[in-house]
Amino acid sequence: MQPEDETYMRRALELAGRAAAEGEVPVGALVVVDGRVLGEGWNRPIVASDPTAHAEIEALRAAARALGNYRLTGATLYVTLEPCDMCLGAMFHARVARVVYGATDPKKLVLKSQVKVEGGALAAECGAILSAFFAARR
């Protein structure tokens, strides 16, 4: 852990309190780059009627808007609860360098088993459109 981690995590806890005040699961998050808080968020899926409105996603969106770029290279994301796979995927795509979380999520393994995932539907066509897109960009 780094010396400033506790300070930023305390702010994430304050944001979690905002979620709780709205009747949401109390999770708060913030994105820090070079010692500057660029984005903050708290859980809002119920209020926003948006299943993706997790604290991490809200903080990533705010930070990306602040930078004018979806790439958050060098960023640290602080969150009060272990991130779910969706949020980890968003962090990966945003190129977040580091994640610091507080509590572990005991439901994480249970959630993975609730959705059946099947691949291969029109795989050739789906792959071709992606290949053509990236070939045109090179």
N, C-alpha and C. Protein backbone atom coordinates (compact mmCIF):
# COMPACT_ATOMS: atom_id res chain seq x y z
N MET A 1 0.84 -1.19 0.00
CA MET A 1 0.00 0.00 0.00
C MET A 1 0.89 1.25 0.00
N GLN A 2 0.36 2.27 -0.60
CA GLN A 2 1.08 3.54 -0.65
C GLN A 2 0.52 4.49 0.40
N PRO A 3 1.32 5.47 0.83
CA PRO A 3 0.88 6.35 1.92
C PRO A 3 -0.45 7.06 1.67
N GLU A 4 -0.73 7.46 0.45
CA GLU A 4 -1.96 8.20 0.15
C GLU A 4 -3.20 7.31 0.01
N ASP A 5 -3.01 5.99 -0.02
CA ASP A 5 -4.14 5.08 -0.23
C ASP A 5 -5.23 5.25 0.83
N GLU A 6 -4.84 5.43 2.06
CA GLU A 6 -5.83 5.57 3.13
C GLU A 6 -6.66 6.83 2.94
N THR A 7 -6.03 7.92 2.55
CA THR A 7 -6.74 9.18 2.32
C THR A 7 -7.78 9.02 1.23
N TYR A 8 -7.39 8.43 0.11
CA TYR A 8 -8.33 8.26 -1.00
C TYR A 8 -9.44 7.26 -0.65
N MET A 9 -9.08 6.23 0.11
CA MET A 9 -10.11 5.26 0.50
C MET A 9 -11.13 5.88 1.45
N ARG A 10 -10.69 6.82 2.28
CA ARG A 10 -11.65 7.52 3.15
C ARG A 10 -12.64 8.32 2.31
N ARG A 11 -12.17 8.92 1.22
CA ARG A 11 -13.08 9.63 0.33
C ARG A 11 -14.04 8.64 -0.33
N ALA A 12 -13.55 7.49 -0.73
CA ALA A 12 -14.41 6.46 -1.32
C ALA A 12 -15.50 6.04 -0.31
N LEU A 13 -15.15 5.97 0.96
CA LEU A 13 -16.14 5.64 1.99
C LEU A 13 -17.21 6.73 2.11
N GLU A 14 -16.81 7.99 1.98
CA GLU A 14 -17.79 9.08 1.98
C GLU A 14 -18.76 8.93 0.81
N LEU A 15 -18.23 8.57 -0.35
CA LEU A 15 -19.07 8.37 -1.53
C LEU A 15 -20.00 7.18 -1.34
N ALA A 16 -19.52 6.14 -0.67
CA ALA A 16 -20.37 4.99 -0.35
C ALA A 16 -21.55 5.43 0.51
N GLY A 17 -21.31 6.38 1.39
CA GLY A 17 -22.39 6.93 2.21
C GLY A 17 -23.46 7.60 1.36
N ARG A 18 -23.06 8.23 0.27
CA ARG A 18 -24.04 8.86 -0.64
C ARG A 18 -24.92 7.79 -1.28
N ALA A 19 -24.29 6.66 -1.65
CA ALA A 19 -25.06 5.55 -2.22
C ALA A 19 -26.09 5.06 -1.20
N ALA A 20 -25.64 4.85 0.02
CA ALA A 20 -26.54 4.36 1.08
C ALA A 20 -27.70 5.34 1.29
N ALA A 21 -27.41 6.63 1.26
CA ALA A 21 -28.46 7.64 1.45
C ALA A 21 -29.51 7.58 0.34
N GLU A 22 -29.12 7.08 -0.85
CA GLU A 22 -30.04 6.93 -1.97
C GLU A 22 -30.72 5.56 -2.00
N GLY A 23 -30.43 4.73 -0.98
CA GLY A 23 -31.02 3.40 -0.93
C GLY A 23 -30.29 2.38 -1.77
N GLU A 24 -29.09 2.70 -2.18
CA GLU A 24 -28.27 1.81 -3.00
C GLU A 24 -27.30 1.03 -2.11
N VAL A 25 -26.73 -0.04 -2.67
CA VAL A 25 -25.66 -0.76 -1.97
C VAL A 25 -24.52 0.24 -1.77
N PRO A 26 -24.03 0.40 -0.55
CA PRO A 26 -23.05 1.45 -0.26
C PRO A 26 -21.64 1.15 -0.77
N VAL A 27 -21.42 1.51 -2.02
CA VAL A 27 -20.11 1.38 -2.64
C VAL A 27 -19.73 2.73 -3.23
N GLY A 28 -18.50 3.17 -2.96
CA GLY A 28 -17.99 4.41 -3.51
C GLY A 28 -16.66 4.18 -4.20
N ALA A 29 -16.36 5.02 -5.19
CA ALA A 29 -15.12 4.86 -5.95
C ALA A 29 -14.61 6.21 -6.44
N LEU A 30 -13.30 6.29 -6.66
CA LEU A 30 -12.72 7.47 -7.28
C LEU A 30 -11.50 7.10 -8.09
N VAL A 31 -11.22 7.93 -9.09
CA VAL A 31 -10.08 7.72 -9.99
C VAL A 31 -9.09 8.85 -9.75
N VAL A 32 -7.84 8.47 -9.53
CA VAL A 32 -6.79 9.43 -9.23
C VAL A 32 -5.67 9.27 -10.27
N VAL A 33 -5.23 10.39 -10.83
CA VAL A 33 -4.09 10.41 -11.75
C VAL A 33 -3.14 11.51 -11.29
N ASP A 34 -1.89 11.15 -11.07
CA ASP A 34 -0.88 12.12 -10.65
C ASP A 34 -1.32 12.96 -9.46
N GLY A 35 -1.95 12.31 -8.48
CA GLY A 35 -2.37 13.00 -7.26
C GLY A 35 -3.62 13.83 -7.39
N ARG A 36 -4.27 13.79 -8.55
CA ARG A 36 -5.51 14.56 -8.76
C ARG A 36 -6.69 13.61 -8.88
N VAL A 37 -7.75 13.91 -8.15
CA VAL A 37 -8.99 13.14 -8.28
C VAL A 37 -9.69 13.62 -9.54
N LEU A 38 -9.81 12.74 -10.54
CA LEU A 38 -10.42 13.11 -11.81
C LEU A 38 -11.87 12.67 -11.92
N GLY A 39 -12.26 11.68 -11.14
CA GLY A 39 -13.63 11.20 -11.22
C GLY A 39 -14.05 10.52 -9.93
N GLU A 40 -15.30 10.72 -9.56
CA GLU A 40 -15.87 10.08 -8.39
C GLU A 40 -17.20 9.44 -8.77
N GLY A 41 -17.57 8.41 -8.03
CA GLY A 41 -18.84 7.77 -8.28
C GLY A 41 -19.29 6.95 -7.09
N TRP A 42 -20.57 6.66 -7.08
CA TRP A 42 -21.15 5.77 -6.07
C TRP A 42 -22.22 4.96 -6.77
N ASN A 43 -22.56 3.84 -6.16
CA ASN A 43 -23.56 2.95 -6.77
C ASN A 43 -24.85 3.70 -7.04
N ARG A 44 -25.39 3.52 -8.28
CA ARG A 44 -26.62 4.19 -8.67
C ARG A 44 -27.50 3.35 -9.59
N PRO A 45 -27.37 2.03 -9.62
CA PRO A 45 -28.19 1.27 -10.57
C PRO A 45 -29.69 1.39 -10.36
N ILE A 46 -30.13 1.51 -9.12
CA ILE A 46 -31.56 1.62 -8.84
C ILE A 46 -32.05 3.01 -9.24
N VAL A 47 -31.37 4.04 -8.76
CA VAL A 47 -31.77 5.42 -9.04
C VAL A 47 -31.71 5.72 -10.54
N ALA A 48 -30.68 5.22 -11.21
CA ALA A 48 -30.48 5.50 -12.65
C ALA A 48 -31.20 4.51 -13.55
N SER A 49 -31.79 3.47 -12.97
CA SER A 49 -32.38 2.39 -13.78
C SER A 49 -31.37 1.89 -14.81
N ASP A 50 -30.16 1.65 -14.32
CA ASP A 50 -29.04 1.29 -15.19
C ASP A 50 -28.19 0.23 -14.49
N PRO A 51 -28.22 -1.02 -14.97
CA PRO A 51 -27.46 -2.07 -14.31
C PRO A 51 -25.95 -1.86 -14.37
N THR A 52 -25.48 -0.95 -15.22
CA THR A 52 -24.04 -0.69 -15.30
C THR A 52 -23.60 0.47 -14.40
N ALA A 53 -24.50 1.07 -13.68
CA ALA A 53 -24.17 2.26 -12.89
C ALA A 53 -23.52 1.90 -11.55
N HIS A 54 -22.51 1.07 -11.62
CA HIS A 54 -21.72 0.76 -10.42
C HIS A 54 -20.82 1.95 -10.10
N ALA A 55 -20.38 2.03 -8.87
CA ALA A 55 -19.53 3.14 -8.43
C ALA A 55 -18.30 3.28 -9.32
N GLU A 56 -17.66 2.16 -9.66
CA GLU A 56 -16.45 2.20 -10.47
C GLU A 56 -16.72 2.77 -11.85
N ILE A 57 -17.82 2.33 -12.47
CA ILE A 57 -18.17 2.79 -13.81
C ILE A 57 -18.47 4.29 -13.77
N GLU A 58 -19.20 4.73 -12.76
CA GLU A 58 -19.51 6.15 -12.62
C GLU A 58 -18.22 6.97 -12.48
N ALA A 59 -17.28 6.48 -11.68
CA ALA A 59 -16.01 7.18 -11.49
C ALA A 59 -15.18 7.18 -12.77
N LEU A 60 -15.15 6.05 -13.48
CA LEU A 60 -14.41 5.98 -14.74
C LEU A 60 -15.00 6.94 -15.78
N ARG A 61 -16.32 6.99 -15.88
CA ARG A 61 -16.98 7.90 -16.83
C ARG A 61 -16.63 9.35 -16.51
N ALA A 62 -16.69 9.72 -15.23
CA ALA A 62 -16.38 11.09 -14.84
C ALA A 62 -14.92 11.44 -15.14
N ALA A 63 -14.01 10.52 -14.87
CA ALA A 63 -12.59 10.75 -15.14
C ALA A 63 -12.33 10.87 -16.63
N ALA A 64 -12.96 10.03 -17.43
CA ALA A 64 -12.78 10.09 -18.88
C ALA A 64 -13.29 11.43 -19.43
N ARG A 65 -14.44 11.88 -18.92
CA ARG A 65 -14.95 13.20 -19.34
C ARG A 65 -13.97 14.30 -18.95
N ALA A 66 -13.42 14.22 -17.75
CA ALA A 66 -12.49 15.25 -17.27
C ALA A 66 -11.24 15.32 -18.15
N LEU A 67 -10.77 14.16 -18.60
CA LEU A 67 -9.58 14.12 -19.45
C LEU A 67 -9.90 14.29 -20.94
N GLY A 68 -11.15 14.06 -21.30
CA GLY A 68 -11.50 14.09 -22.72
C GLY A 68 -10.93 12.90 -23.45
N ASN A 69 -10.77 11.78 -22.73
CA ASN A 69 -10.16 10.58 -23.30
C ASN A 69 -10.59 9.38 -22.47
N TYR A 70 -10.98 8.29 -23.14
CA TYR A 70 -11.37 7.10 -22.39
C TYR A 70 -10.17 6.37 -21.81
N ARG A 71 -8.99 6.68 -22.29
CA ARG A 71 -7.78 6.04 -21.78
C ARG A 71 -7.30 6.78 -20.53
N LEU A 72 -7.29 6.07 -19.44
CA LEU A 72 -6.90 6.64 -18.15
C LEU A 72 -5.55 6.07 -17.72
N THR A 73 -4.61 6.14 -18.62
CA THR A 73 -3.28 5.58 -18.40
C THR A 73 -2.66 6.15 -17.13
N GLY A 74 -2.15 5.27 -16.30
CA GLY A 74 -1.49 5.68 -15.07
C GLY A 74 -2.43 5.92 -13.91
N ALA A 75 -3.72 5.71 -14.11
CA ALA A 75 -4.71 5.99 -13.07
C ALA A 75 -4.73 4.90 -12.00
N THR A 76 -5.12 5.32 -10.81
CA THR A 76 -5.43 4.39 -9.73
C THR A 76 -6.90 4.56 -9.42
N LEU A 77 -7.62 3.45 -9.33
CA LEU A 77 -9.03 3.48 -8.97
C LEU A 77 -9.17 2.93 -7.56
N TYR A 78 -9.79 3.70 -6.70
CA TYR A 78 -10.06 3.29 -5.32
C TYR A 78 -11.54 2.96 -5.22
N VAL A 79 -11.86 1.82 -4.62
CA VAL A 79 -13.25 1.41 -4.47
C VAL A 79 -13.41 0.65 -3.16
N THR A 80 -14.56 0.83 -2.53
CA THR A 80 -14.76 0.25 -1.21
C THR A 80 -15.08 -1.24 -1.23
N LEU A 81 -15.44 -1.78 -2.39
CA LEU A 81 -15.77 -3.20 -2.52
C LEU A 81 -15.01 -3.79 -3.70
N GLU A 82 -14.57 -5.01 -3.56
CA GLU A 82 -13.88 -5.71 -4.65
C GLU A 82 -14.69 -5.58 -5.95
N PRO A 83 -14.05 -5.15 -7.02
CA PRO A 83 -14.78 -4.93 -8.28
C PRO A 83 -15.30 -6.22 -8.90
N CYS A 84 -16.48 -6.09 -9.53
CA CYS A 84 -17.04 -7.22 -10.28
C CYS A 84 -16.33 -7.33 -11.62
N ASP A 85 -16.63 -8.38 -12.35
CA ASP A 85 -15.98 -8.60 -13.65
C ASP A 85 -16.28 -7.50 -14.65
N MET A 86 -17.50 -6.97 -14.64
CA MET A 86 -17.84 -5.88 -15.55
C MET A 86 -16.94 -4.68 -15.29
N CYS A 87 -16.80 -4.32 -14.03
CA CYS A 87 -15.99 -3.16 -13.69
C CYS A 87 -14.52 -3.40 -13.97
N LEU A 88 -14.04 -4.61 -13.72
CA LEU A 88 -12.66 -4.94 -14.05
C LEU A 88 -12.43 -4.83 -15.56
N GLY A 89 -13.40 -5.27 -16.35
CA GLY A 89 -13.29 -5.15 -17.80
C GLY A 89 -13.20 -3.70 -18.23
N ALA A 90 -14.02 -2.85 -17.62
CA ALA A 90 -13.98 -1.42 -17.94
C ALA A 90 -12.63 -0.82 -17.56
N MET A 91 -12.09 -1.23 -16.42
CA MET A 91 -10.78 -0.73 -16.00
C MET A 91 -9.70 -1.17 -16.98
N PHE A 92 -9.79 -2.40 -17.45
CA PHE A 92 -8.85 -2.92 -18.43
C PHE A 92 -8.89 -2.06 -19.70
N HIS A 93 -10.09 -1.80 -20.21
CA HIS A 93 -10.23 -1.03 -21.44
C HIS A 93 -9.81 0.43 -21.24
N ALA A 94 -9.98 0.94 -20.03
CA ALA A 94 -9.55 2.31 -19.73
C ALA A 94 -8.05 2.39 -19.46
N ARG A 95 -7.42 1.24 -19.35
CA ARG A 95 -5.98 1.15 -19.08
C ARG A 95 -5.60 1.68 -17.69
N VAL A 96 -6.49 1.43 -16.74
CA VAL A 96 -6.20 1.78 -15.35
C VAL A 96 -4.99 0.97 -14.90
N ALA A 97 -4.05 1.64 -14.25
CA ALA A 97 -2.80 0.97 -13.86
C ALA A 97 -2.92 0.19 -12.56
N ARG A 98 -3.79 0.64 -11.67
CA ARG A 98 -3.83 0.06 -10.32
C ARG A 98 -5.22 0.20 -9.74
N VAL A 99 -5.65 -0.82 -9.01
CA VAL A 99 -6.92 -0.80 -8.30
C VAL A 99 -6.66 -1.09 -6.84
N VAL A 100 -7.24 -0.28 -5.97
CA VAL A 100 -7.14 -0.49 -4.53
C VAL A 100 -8.57 -0.63 -4.03
N TYR A 101 -8.88 -1.78 -3.41
CA TYR A 101 -10.23 -1.97 -2.90
C TYR A 101 -10.20 -2.31 -1.42
N GLY A 102 -11.35 -2.10 -0.78
CA GLY A 102 -11.48 -2.35 0.65
C GLY A 102 -11.97 -3.76 0.93
N ALA A 103 -13.28 -3.93 1.03
CA ALA A 103 -13.88 -5.22 1.39
C ALA A 103 -13.88 -6.18 0.20
N THR A 104 -13.73 -7.46 0.50
CA THR A 104 -13.87 -8.47 -0.54
C THR A 104 -15.35 -8.78 -0.74
N ASP A 105 -15.70 -9.21 -1.95
CA ASP A 105 -17.09 -9.49 -2.28
C ASP A 105 -17.36 -10.98 -2.17
N PRO A 106 -18.05 -11.41 -1.11
CA PRO A 106 -18.31 -12.84 -0.92
C PRO A 106 -19.25 -13.42 -1.98
N LYS A 107 -20.00 -12.58 -2.69
CA LYS A 107 -20.94 -13.05 -3.72
C LYS A 107 -20.30 -13.21 -5.09
N LYS A 108 -19.07 -12.80 -5.23
CA LYS A 108 -18.44 -12.76 -6.55
C LYS A 108 -18.51 -14.10 -7.29
N LEU A 109 -18.20 -15.18 -6.63
CA LEU A 109 -18.23 -16.49 -7.28
C LEU A 109 -19.66 -16.94 -7.58
N VAL A 110 -20.60 -16.60 -6.74
CA VAL A 110 -22.00 -16.97 -6.96
C VAL A 110 -22.54 -16.29 -8.21
N LEU A 111 -22.20 -15.02 -8.39
CA LEU A 111 -22.70 -14.26 -9.55
C LEU A 111 -22.24 -14.87 -10.86
N LYS A 112 -21.03 -15.38 -10.89
CA LYS A 112 -20.49 -15.94 -12.12
C LYS A 112 -21.30 -17.14 -12.61
N SER A 113 -21.92 -17.85 -11.71
CA SER A 113 -22.63 -19.06 -12.10
C SER A 113 -24.08 -18.81 -12.49
N GLN A 114 -24.56 -17.57 -12.44
CA GLN A 114 -25.96 -17.28 -12.72
C GLN A 114 -26.26 -17.00 -14.19
N VAL A 115 -25.25 -16.76 -14.99
CA VAL A 115 -25.47 -16.41 -16.40
C VAL A 115 -24.83 -17.48 -17.28
N LYS A 116 -25.61 -18.00 -18.19
CA LYS A 116 -25.09 -18.98 -19.15
C LYS A 116 -24.49 -18.21 -20.32
N VAL A 117 -23.25 -18.49 -20.64
CA VAL A 117 -22.55 -17.82 -21.73
C VAL A 117 -22.28 -18.82 -22.83
N GLU A 118 -22.70 -18.49 -24.05
CA GLU A 118 -22.49 -19.36 -25.20
C GLU A 118 -21.84 -18.55 -26.31
N GLY A 119 -20.81 -19.10 -26.90
CA GLY A 119 -20.10 -18.41 -27.97
C GLY A 119 -20.22 -19.13 -29.30
N GLY A 120 -19.76 -18.48 -30.36
CA GLY A 120 -19.68 -19.10 -31.67
C GLY A 120 -20.81 -18.78 -32.62
N ALA A 121 -21.81 -18.02 -32.22
CA ALA A 121 -22.93 -17.70 -33.12
C ALA A 121 -22.45 -16.73 -34.20
N LEU A 122 -22.52 -17.17 -35.45
CA LEU A 122 -22.05 -16.38 -36.60
C LEU A 122 -20.63 -15.87 -36.38
N ALA A 123 -19.79 -16.74 -35.84
CA ALA A 123 -18.43 -16.37 -35.47
C ALA A 123 -17.63 -15.83 -36.65
N ALA A 124 -17.73 -16.45 -37.81
CA ALA A 124 -16.95 -15.99 -38.97
C ALA A 124 -17.36 -14.58 -39.38
N GLU A 125 -18.67 -14.33 -39.44
CA GLU A 125 -19.15 -13.01 -39.84
C GLU A 125 -18.78 -11.94 -38.80
N CYS A 126 -18.92 -12.29 -37.54
CA CYS A 126 -18.57 -11.35 -36.47
C CYS A 126 -17.07 -11.04 -36.50
N GLY A 127 -16.27 -12.05 -36.70
CA GLY A 127 -14.82 -11.85 -36.80
C GLY A 127 -14.43 -11.04 -38.02
N ALA A 128 -15.13 -11.26 -39.14
CA ALA A 128 -14.81 -10.56 -40.39
C ALA A 128 -15.05 -9.06 -40.27
N ILE A 129 -16.16 -8.66 -39.64
CA ILE A 129 -16.44 -7.23 -39.53
C ILE A 129 -15.40 -6.54 -38.64
N LEU A 130 -14.96 -7.23 -37.61
CA LEU A 130 -13.92 -6.67 -36.74
C LEU A 130 -12.58 -6.59 -37.47
N SER A 131 -12.24 -7.65 -38.20
CA SER A 131 -10.99 -7.67 -38.95
C SER A 131 -10.95 -6.54 -39.99
N ALA A 132 -12.07 -6.37 -40.71
CA ALA A 132 -12.14 -5.32 -41.73
C ALA A 132 -11.99 -3.93 -41.09
N PHE A 133 -12.62 -3.74 -39.95
CA PHE A 133 -12.53 -2.44 -39.25
C PHE A 133 -11.08 -2.12 -38.90
N PHE A 134 -10.40 -3.08 -38.27
CA PHE A 134 -9.03 -2.82 -37.84
C PHE A 134 -8.06 -2.76 -39.01
N ALA A 135 -8.30 -3.52 -40.07
CA ALA A 135 -7.44 -3.45 -41.25
C ALA A 135 -7.53 -2.06 -41.89
N ALA A 136 -8.71 -1.48 -41.91
CA ALA A 136 -8.90 -0.14 -42.49
C ALA A 136 -8.21 0.94 -41.66
N ARG A 137 -8.01 0.69 -40.39
CA ARG A 137 -7.38 1.68 -39.50
C ARG A 137 -5.87 1.63 -39.54
N ARG A 138 -5.32 0.57 -40.13
CA ARG A 138 -3.85 0.42 -40.14
C ARG A 138 -3.23 1.03 -41.33
